[in-house]
Amino acid sequence: METKPVIVGIDGAEDSVRALQWGVVHARSVGAPLHVMAVYEVPAMLSPYGMAAWENPENLEQNARAMLDATVKSALGEDEGAAVVQRVVQGHPGKVLVEQSDGAGLLVIGSRGRGAFTGMLLGSVSQYVVARAKCPVVVMPHNAPD
């Protein structure tokens, strides 16, 4: 029987780096594959002519791939980073992570990402995921000074 993967959602923020470090230790302990995901959204703005993207989606994807690669190498090292599955997906981060949780054994995320407001216990993505995930979720607590 195949072990379901441990999925770690990262955005480059300190909490997601700690989630990745915890996720790799857990995945090893249970013999599960580790999948590390970066999810990006194409922000849109309303103009007199309808919806318009204000950032080139290709640039956003390239930036997400670079952030994912740098975060994995920084958190796990060059050799360890080569052993994980890395994926970049376009969409709403919470929705994509919930969709991916359907086939996962565990989903690991940071409590707050880059867009967090000072003083929040959970960010909007972690709140969304915890309420809707199809597998157990570990949310790494935020421990950086506010």
N, C-alpha and C. Protein backbone atom coordinates (compact mmCIF):
# COMPACT_ATOMS: atom_id res chain seq x y z
N MET A 1 0.84 -1.19 0.00
CA MET A 1 0.00 0.00 0.00
C MET A 1 0.89 1.25 0.00
N GLU A 2 0.61 2.17 -0.89
CA GLU A 2 1.40 3.38 -1.03
C GLU A 2 1.04 4.39 0.06
N THR A 3 2.06 4.99 0.65
CA THR A 3 1.85 6.01 1.67
C THR A 3 1.48 7.32 0.99
N LYS A 4 0.44 7.96 1.50
CA LYS A 4 0.02 9.25 0.94
C LYS A 4 1.07 10.31 1.26
N PRO A 5 1.24 11.28 0.36
CA PRO A 5 2.29 12.28 0.57
C PRO A 5 1.96 13.27 1.69
N VAL A 6 3.01 13.82 2.23
CA VAL A 6 2.92 14.98 3.11
C VAL A 6 3.10 16.19 2.19
N ILE A 7 2.13 17.07 2.22
CA ILE A 7 2.19 18.27 1.39
C ILE A 7 2.50 19.46 2.28
N VAL A 8 3.46 20.27 1.86
CA VAL A 8 3.80 21.49 2.58
C VAL A 8 3.56 22.66 1.64
N GLY A 9 2.72 23.60 2.07
CA GLY A 9 2.47 24.81 1.31
C GLY A 9 3.40 25.90 1.80
N ILE A 10 4.13 26.52 0.87
CA ILE A 10 5.06 27.57 1.28
C ILE A 10 4.85 28.84 0.46
N ASP A 11 5.21 29.97 1.08
CA ASP A 11 5.17 31.25 0.38
C ASP A 11 6.46 32.04 0.59
N GLY A 12 7.45 31.41 1.20
CA GLY A 12 8.73 32.07 1.44
C GLY A 12 8.80 32.78 2.77
N ALA A 13 7.66 32.96 3.45
CA ALA A 13 7.66 33.60 4.76
C ALA A 13 8.29 32.67 5.79
N GLU A 14 8.76 33.24 6.89
CA GLU A 14 9.44 32.47 7.93
C GLU A 14 8.59 31.29 8.44
N ASP A 15 7.29 31.52 8.63
CA ASP A 15 6.43 30.45 9.12
C ASP A 15 6.38 29.27 8.15
N SER A 16 6.37 29.56 6.85
CA SER A 16 6.31 28.46 5.89
C SER A 16 7.65 27.73 5.79
N VAL A 17 8.75 28.42 6.03
CA VAL A 17 10.05 27.75 6.06
C VAL A 17 10.09 26.77 7.22
N ARG A 18 9.60 27.19 8.38
CA ARG A 18 9.54 26.30 9.54
C ARG A 18 8.59 25.14 9.28
N ALA A 19 7.50 25.39 8.56
CA ALA A 19 6.57 24.31 8.20
C ALA A 19 7.27 23.28 7.33
N LEU A 20 8.09 23.76 6.40
CA LEU A 20 8.83 22.85 5.52
C LEU A 20 9.83 22.02 6.32
N GLN A 21 10.54 22.65 7.22
CA GLN A 21 11.51 21.92 8.04
C GLN A 21 10.81 20.85 8.88
N TRP A 22 9.67 21.18 9.46
CA TRP A 22 8.91 20.21 10.25
C TRP A 22 8.36 19.11 9.35
N GLY A 23 7.86 19.50 8.19
CA GLY A 23 7.26 18.54 7.26
C GLY A 23 8.23 17.49 6.77
N VAL A 24 9.48 17.88 6.52
CA VAL A 24 10.46 16.90 6.04
C VAL A 24 10.78 15.89 7.14
N VAL A 25 10.87 16.34 8.38
CA VAL A 25 11.13 15.42 9.49
C VAL A 25 9.97 14.44 9.65
N HIS A 26 8.75 14.96 9.57
CA HIS A 26 7.58 14.09 9.71
C HIS A 26 7.49 13.09 8.55
N ALA A 27 7.69 13.57 7.33
CA ALA A 27 7.61 12.69 6.17
C ALA A 27 8.61 11.55 6.29
N ARG A 28 9.82 11.86 6.71
CA ARG A 28 10.83 10.82 6.92
C ARG A 28 10.38 9.81 7.98
N SER A 29 9.80 10.32 9.07
CA SER A 29 9.44 9.44 10.19
C SER A 29 8.34 8.46 9.83
N VAL A 30 7.49 8.82 8.86
CA VAL A 30 6.40 7.91 8.47
C VAL A 30 6.65 7.27 7.11
N GLY A 31 7.79 7.57 6.49
CA GLY A 31 8.11 6.98 5.19
C GLY A 31 7.23 7.48 4.06
N ALA A 32 6.82 8.75 4.15
CA ALA A 32 5.93 9.33 3.13
C ALA A 32 6.72 10.23 2.19
N PRO A 33 6.28 10.30 0.93
CA PRO A 33 6.89 11.28 0.02
C PRO A 33 6.54 12.70 0.46
N LEU A 34 7.43 13.64 0.17
CA LEU A 34 7.22 15.04 0.52
C LEU A 34 6.98 15.84 -0.74
N HIS A 35 5.85 16.54 -0.78
CA HIS A 35 5.52 17.43 -1.89
C HIS A 35 5.47 18.85 -1.35
N VAL A 36 6.24 19.73 -1.96
CA VAL A 36 6.29 21.12 -1.53
C VAL A 36 5.65 21.97 -2.62
N MET A 37 4.68 22.79 -2.21
CA MET A 37 3.91 23.56 -3.18
C MET A 37 4.00 25.06 -2.92
N ALA A 38 4.09 25.80 -4.00
CA ALA A 38 3.93 27.25 -3.97
C ALA A 38 2.74 27.57 -4.86
N VAL A 39 1.82 28.34 -4.34
CA VAL A 39 0.61 28.70 -5.09
C VAL A 39 0.60 30.21 -5.26
N TYR A 40 0.39 30.65 -6.48
CA TYR A 40 0.35 32.08 -6.74
C TYR A 40 -0.96 32.45 -7.41
N GLU A 41 -1.40 33.66 -7.14
CA GLU A 41 -2.60 34.20 -7.76
C GLU A 41 -2.22 35.33 -8.69
N VAL A 42 -2.95 35.45 -9.77
CA VAL A 42 -2.78 36.59 -10.66
C VAL A 42 -3.74 37.66 -10.18
N PRO A 43 -3.22 38.71 -9.55
CA PRO A 43 -4.11 39.76 -9.07
C PRO A 43 -4.73 40.49 -10.26
N ALA A 44 -5.95 40.87 -10.10
CA ALA A 44 -6.64 41.59 -11.18
C ALA A 44 -7.21 42.89 -10.62
N MET A 45 -7.39 43.81 -11.49
CA MET A 45 -8.00 45.08 -11.09
C MET A 45 -9.12 45.39 -12.06
N LEU A 46 -10.07 46.12 -11.59
CA LEU A 46 -11.20 46.51 -12.42
C LEU A 46 -10.86 47.82 -13.11
N SER A 47 -10.95 47.81 -14.41
CA SER A 47 -10.71 49.03 -15.18
C SER A 47 -12.02 49.39 -15.90
N PRO A 48 -12.07 50.53 -16.52
CA PRO A 48 -13.28 50.88 -17.27
C PRO A 48 -13.58 49.88 -18.39
N TYR A 49 -12.59 49.07 -18.76
CA TYR A 49 -12.75 48.12 -19.85
C TYR A 49 -12.96 46.69 -19.37
N GLY A 50 -13.16 46.51 -18.08
CA GLY A 50 -13.35 45.18 -17.50
C GLY A 50 -12.17 44.78 -16.64
N MET A 51 -12.06 43.49 -16.38
CA MET A 51 -10.97 42.99 -15.54
C MET A 51 -9.67 43.01 -16.34
N ALA A 52 -8.61 43.42 -15.68
CA ALA A 52 -7.30 43.45 -16.33
C ALA A 52 -6.24 42.99 -15.35
N ALA A 53 -5.36 42.14 -15.80
CA ALA A 53 -4.25 41.71 -14.95
C ALA A 53 -3.25 42.85 -14.85
N TRP A 54 -2.72 43.09 -13.68
CA TRP A 54 -1.74 44.15 -13.53
C TRP A 54 -0.35 43.60 -13.32
N GLU A 55 -0.19 42.32 -13.50
CA GLU A 55 1.13 41.69 -13.45
C GLU A 55 1.14 40.57 -14.48
N ASN A 56 2.23 40.42 -15.17
CA ASN A 56 2.35 39.37 -16.17
C ASN A 56 2.33 38.01 -15.47
N PRO A 57 1.35 37.13 -15.80
CA PRO A 57 1.27 35.82 -15.14
C PRO A 57 2.54 34.99 -15.28
N GLU A 58 3.25 35.13 -16.40
CA GLU A 58 4.50 34.38 -16.57
C GLU A 58 5.55 34.83 -15.55
N ASN A 59 5.59 36.15 -15.28
CA ASN A 59 6.53 36.65 -14.28
C ASN A 59 6.16 36.13 -12.89
N LEU A 60 4.87 36.09 -12.59
CA LEU A 60 4.43 35.58 -11.30
C LEU A 60 4.82 34.11 -11.13
N GLU A 61 4.64 33.33 -12.18
CA GLU A 61 5.00 31.92 -12.11
C GLU A 61 6.52 31.75 -11.94
N GLN A 62 7.29 32.51 -12.69
CA GLN A 62 8.75 32.44 -12.57
C GLN A 62 9.20 32.83 -11.16
N ASN A 63 8.59 33.89 -10.63
CA ASN A 63 8.93 34.32 -9.27
C ASN A 63 8.56 33.26 -8.25
N ALA A 64 7.41 32.61 -8.43
CA ALA A 64 6.99 31.55 -7.51
C ALA A 64 7.95 30.37 -7.59
N ARG A 65 8.37 30.00 -8.80
CA ARG A 65 9.32 28.89 -8.96
C ARG A 65 10.67 29.22 -8.30
N ALA A 66 11.14 30.45 -8.49
CA ALA A 66 12.41 30.86 -7.90
C ALA A 66 12.30 30.86 -6.37
N MET A 67 11.19 31.36 -5.83
CA MET A 67 10.99 31.38 -4.38
C MET A 67 10.94 29.96 -3.84
N LEU A 68 10.21 29.07 -4.54
CA LEU A 68 10.09 27.68 -4.10
C LEU A 68 11.45 27.01 -4.07
N ASP A 69 12.19 27.15 -5.15
CA ASP A 69 13.50 26.52 -5.23
C ASP A 69 14.44 27.06 -4.15
N ALA A 70 14.47 28.38 -3.99
CA ALA A 70 15.36 28.99 -2.99
C ALA A 70 14.96 28.58 -1.57
N THR A 71 13.66 28.51 -1.30
CA THR A 71 13.19 28.14 0.04
C THR A 71 13.53 26.69 0.34
N VAL A 72 13.33 25.80 -0.62
CA VAL A 72 13.64 24.39 -0.41
C VAL A 72 15.14 24.22 -0.18
N LYS A 73 15.96 24.85 -1.00
CA LYS A 73 17.41 24.74 -0.83
C LYS A 73 17.87 25.34 0.49
N SER A 74 17.29 26.46 0.88
CA SER A 74 17.66 27.12 2.12
C SER A 74 17.27 26.29 3.33
N ALA A 75 16.07 25.72 3.29
CA ALA A 75 15.56 24.97 4.44
C ALA A 75 16.13 23.56 4.53
N LEU A 76 16.39 22.94 3.38
CA LEU A 76 16.76 21.53 3.38
C LEU A 76 18.16 21.25 2.85
N GLY A 77 18.77 22.20 2.20
CA GLY A 77 20.07 21.97 1.59
C GLY A 77 19.92 21.44 0.18
N GLU A 78 20.99 21.51 -0.56
CA GLU A 78 20.99 21.13 -1.98
C GLU A 78 20.61 19.66 -2.20
N ASP A 79 21.23 18.75 -1.46
CA ASP A 79 20.98 17.31 -1.65
C ASP A 79 19.58 16.92 -1.22
N GLU A 80 19.18 17.37 -0.04
CA GLU A 80 17.85 17.03 0.49
C GLU A 80 16.76 17.62 -0.41
N GLY A 81 16.97 18.84 -0.89
CA GLY A 81 15.98 19.50 -1.74
C GLY A 81 15.71 18.76 -3.03
N ALA A 82 16.71 18.03 -3.52
CA ALA A 82 16.53 17.28 -4.76
C ALA A 82 15.59 16.09 -4.57
N ALA A 83 15.37 15.66 -3.33
CA ALA A 83 14.56 14.48 -3.05
C ALA A 83 13.07 14.79 -2.90
N VAL A 84 12.68 16.05 -2.92
CA VAL A 84 11.27 16.39 -2.75
C VAL A 84 10.64 16.76 -4.09
N VAL A 85 9.34 16.55 -4.17
CA VAL A 85 8.58 16.96 -5.35
C VAL A 85 8.20 18.42 -5.16
N GLN A 86 8.56 19.26 -6.12
CA GLN A 86 8.23 20.68 -6.05
C GLN A 86 7.20 21.01 -7.12
N ARG A 87 6.15 21.73 -6.69
CA ARG A 87 5.10 22.10 -7.64
C ARG A 87 4.71 23.56 -7.46
N VAL A 88 4.48 24.23 -8.58
CA VAL A 88 3.96 25.59 -8.58
C VAL A 88 2.61 25.55 -9.27
N VAL A 89 1.60 26.11 -8.62
CA VAL A 89 0.24 26.06 -9.15
C VAL A 89 -0.36 27.46 -9.09
N GLN A 90 -1.09 27.82 -10.13
CA GLN A 90 -1.80 29.10 -10.15
C GLN A 90 -3.19 28.90 -9.57
N GLY A 91 -3.61 29.82 -8.73
CA GLY A 91 -4.96 29.78 -8.16
C GLY A 91 -4.96 30.41 -6.78
N HIS A 92 -6.11 30.36 -6.16
CA HIS A 92 -6.23 30.87 -4.79
C HIS A 92 -5.50 29.89 -3.87
N PRO A 93 -4.53 30.36 -3.08
CA PRO A 93 -3.74 29.43 -2.27
C PRO A 93 -4.56 28.50 -1.39
N GLY A 94 -5.54 29.02 -0.70
CA GLY A 94 -6.37 28.17 0.16
C GLY A 94 -7.11 27.11 -0.61
N LYS A 95 -7.73 27.51 -1.71
CA LYS A 95 -8.51 26.55 -2.51
C LYS A 95 -7.62 25.47 -3.11
N VAL A 96 -6.46 25.85 -3.62
CA VAL A 96 -5.55 24.87 -4.23
C VAL A 96 -5.06 23.89 -3.16
N LEU A 97 -4.68 24.39 -2.00
CA LEU A 97 -4.19 23.50 -0.94
C LEU A 97 -5.30 22.55 -0.46
N VAL A 98 -6.52 23.04 -0.37
CA VAL A 98 -7.64 22.17 0.01
C VAL A 98 -7.85 21.09 -1.05
N GLU A 99 -7.81 21.45 -2.33
CA GLU A 99 -7.94 20.46 -3.40
C GLU A 99 -6.85 19.39 -3.29
N GLN A 100 -5.63 19.82 -3.04
CA GLN A 100 -4.51 18.88 -2.93
C GLN A 100 -4.60 18.01 -1.68
N SER A 101 -5.27 18.51 -0.66
CA SER A 101 -5.39 17.75 0.59
C SER A 101 -6.21 16.48 0.42
N ASP A 102 -7.00 16.41 -0.63
CA ASP A 102 -7.85 15.24 -0.86
C ASP A 102 -7.04 13.96 -1.03
N GLY A 103 -5.85 14.04 -1.58
CA GLY A 103 -5.03 12.85 -1.77
C GLY A 103 -3.83 12.79 -0.86
N ALA A 104 -3.80 13.63 0.18
CA ALA A 104 -2.64 13.72 1.04
C ALA A 104 -2.86 12.98 2.36
N GLY A 105 -1.74 12.60 2.98
CA GLY A 105 -1.81 12.04 4.31
C GLY A 105 -1.77 13.12 5.37
N LEU A 106 -1.15 14.26 5.02
CA LEU A 106 -1.02 15.38 5.95
C LEU A 106 -0.70 16.63 5.14
N LEU A 107 -1.22 17.76 5.57
CA LEU A 107 -0.94 19.05 4.96
C LEU A 107 -0.30 19.92 6.04
N VAL A 108 0.84 20.52 5.73
CA VAL A 108 1.56 21.36 6.68
C VAL A 108 1.69 22.76 6.11
N ILE A 109 1.31 23.76 6.92
CA ILE A 109 1.37 25.15 6.48
C ILE A 109 1.83 26.03 7.64
N GLY A 110 2.27 27.21 7.32
CA GLY A 110 2.60 28.20 8.34
C GLY A 110 1.34 28.89 8.81
N SER A 111 1.38 29.43 10.00
CA SER A 111 0.18 30.09 10.53
C SER A 111 -0.08 31.44 9.88
N ARG A 112 0.99 32.10 9.45
CA ARG A 112 0.83 33.41 8.83
C ARG A 112 1.80 33.54 7.69
N GLY A 113 1.32 34.12 6.61
CA GLY A 113 2.18 34.30 5.44
C GLY A 113 2.64 35.72 5.30
N ARG A 114 3.03 36.04 4.10
CA ARG A 114 3.58 37.36 3.81
C ARG A 114 2.57 38.49 3.97
N GLY A 115 1.30 38.20 3.78
CA GLY A 115 0.29 39.26 3.86
C GLY A 115 -0.36 39.39 5.22
N ALA A 116 0.22 38.76 6.24
CA ALA A 116 -0.42 38.73 7.56
C ALA A 116 -0.41 40.11 8.21
N PHE A 117 -1.50 40.39 8.92
CA PHE A 117 -1.59 41.60 9.71
C PHE A 117 -0.98 41.32 11.08
N THR A 118 -0.25 42.27 11.61
CA THR A 118 0.36 42.10 12.92
C THR A 118 -0.71 41.76 13.95
N GLY A 119 -0.42 40.77 14.77
CA GLY A 119 -1.33 40.39 15.85
C GLY A 119 -2.28 39.26 15.50
N MET A 120 -2.37 38.88 14.24
CA MET A 120 -3.27 37.78 13.87
C MET A 120 -2.66 36.46 14.32
N LEU A 121 -3.53 35.58 14.85
CA LEU A 121 -3.05 34.25 15.23
C LEU A 121 -2.92 33.36 14.01
N LEU A 122 -3.87 33.46 13.08
CA LEU A 122 -3.84 32.69 11.85
C LEU A 122 -4.05 33.64 10.68
N GLY A 123 -3.39 33.34 9.58
CA GLY A 123 -3.62 34.10 8.37
C GLY A 123 -4.87 33.61 7.67
N SER A 124 -5.30 34.31 6.66
CA SER A 124 -6.53 33.95 5.95
C SER A 124 -6.42 32.60 5.26
N VAL A 125 -5.25 32.28 4.70
CA VAL A 125 -5.08 30.99 4.01
C VAL A 125 -5.13 29.85 5.02
N SER A 126 -4.42 29.98 6.14
CA SER A 126 -4.44 28.89 7.12
C SER A 126 -5.84 28.71 7.71
N GLN A 127 -6.57 29.78 7.94
CA GLN A 127 -7.95 29.65 8.42
C GLN A 127 -8.81 28.92 7.40
N TYR A 128 -8.68 29.29 6.15
CA TYR A 128 -9.45 28.65 5.07
C TYR A 128 -9.14 27.17 5.00
N VAL A 129 -7.86 26.82 5.02
CA VAL A 129 -7.43 25.43 4.89
C VAL A 129 -7.90 24.59 6.08
N VAL A 130 -7.70 25.08 7.28
CA VAL A 130 -8.09 24.33 8.48
C VAL A 130 -9.58 23.99 8.46
N ALA A 131 -10.38 24.91 7.98
CA ALA A 131 -11.84 24.70 7.97
C ALA A 131 -12.31 23.75 6.88
N ARG A 132 -11.49 23.52 5.84
CA ARG A 132 -11.99 22.78 4.67
C ARG A 132 -11.14 21.58 4.24
N ALA A 133 -9.99 21.38 4.79
CA ALA A 133 -9.07 20.34 4.31
C ALA A 133 -9.68 18.95 4.42
N LYS A 134 -9.24 18.08 3.53
CA LYS A 134 -9.73 16.69 3.48
C LYS A 134 -8.80 15.72 4.19
N CYS A 135 -7.74 16.24 4.82
CA CYS A 135 -6.78 15.42 5.56
C CYS A 135 -6.39 16.20 6.81
N PRO A 136 -5.68 15.57 7.73
CA PRO A 136 -5.18 16.32 8.89
C PRO A 136 -4.28 17.47 8.45
N VAL A 137 -4.30 18.54 9.24
CA VAL A 137 -3.51 19.72 8.92
C VAL A 137 -2.67 20.10 10.14
N VAL A 138 -1.39 20.39 9.91
CA VAL A 138 -0.52 20.93 10.94
C VAL A 138 -0.26 22.38 10.56
N VAL A 139 -0.55 23.28 11.50
CA VAL A 139 -0.28 24.69 11.30
C VAL A 139 0.85 25.08 12.24
N MET A 140 1.98 25.44 11.67
CA MET A 140 3.13 25.83 12.49
C MET A 140 2.81 27.16 13.17
N PRO A 141 2.97 27.23 14.47
CA PRO A 141 2.66 28.48 15.16
C PRO A 141 3.63 29.59 14.79
N HIS A 142 3.13 30.79 14.83
CA HIS A 142 3.95 31.96 14.53
C HIS A 142 4.73 32.32 15.77
N ASN A 143 6.04 32.38 15.67
CA ASN A 143 6.82 32.71 16.87
C ASN A 143 7.75 33.90 16.70
N ALA A 144 7.62 34.59 15.59
CA ALA A 144 8.44 35.76 15.37
C ALA A 144 7.85 36.94 16.16
N PRO A 145 8.69 37.83 16.67
CA PRO A 145 8.16 38.99 17.39
C PRO A 145 7.35 39.86 16.47
N ASP A 146 6.23 40.36 16.96
CA ASP A 146 5.35 41.25 16.17
C ASP A 146 5.81 42.67 16.23
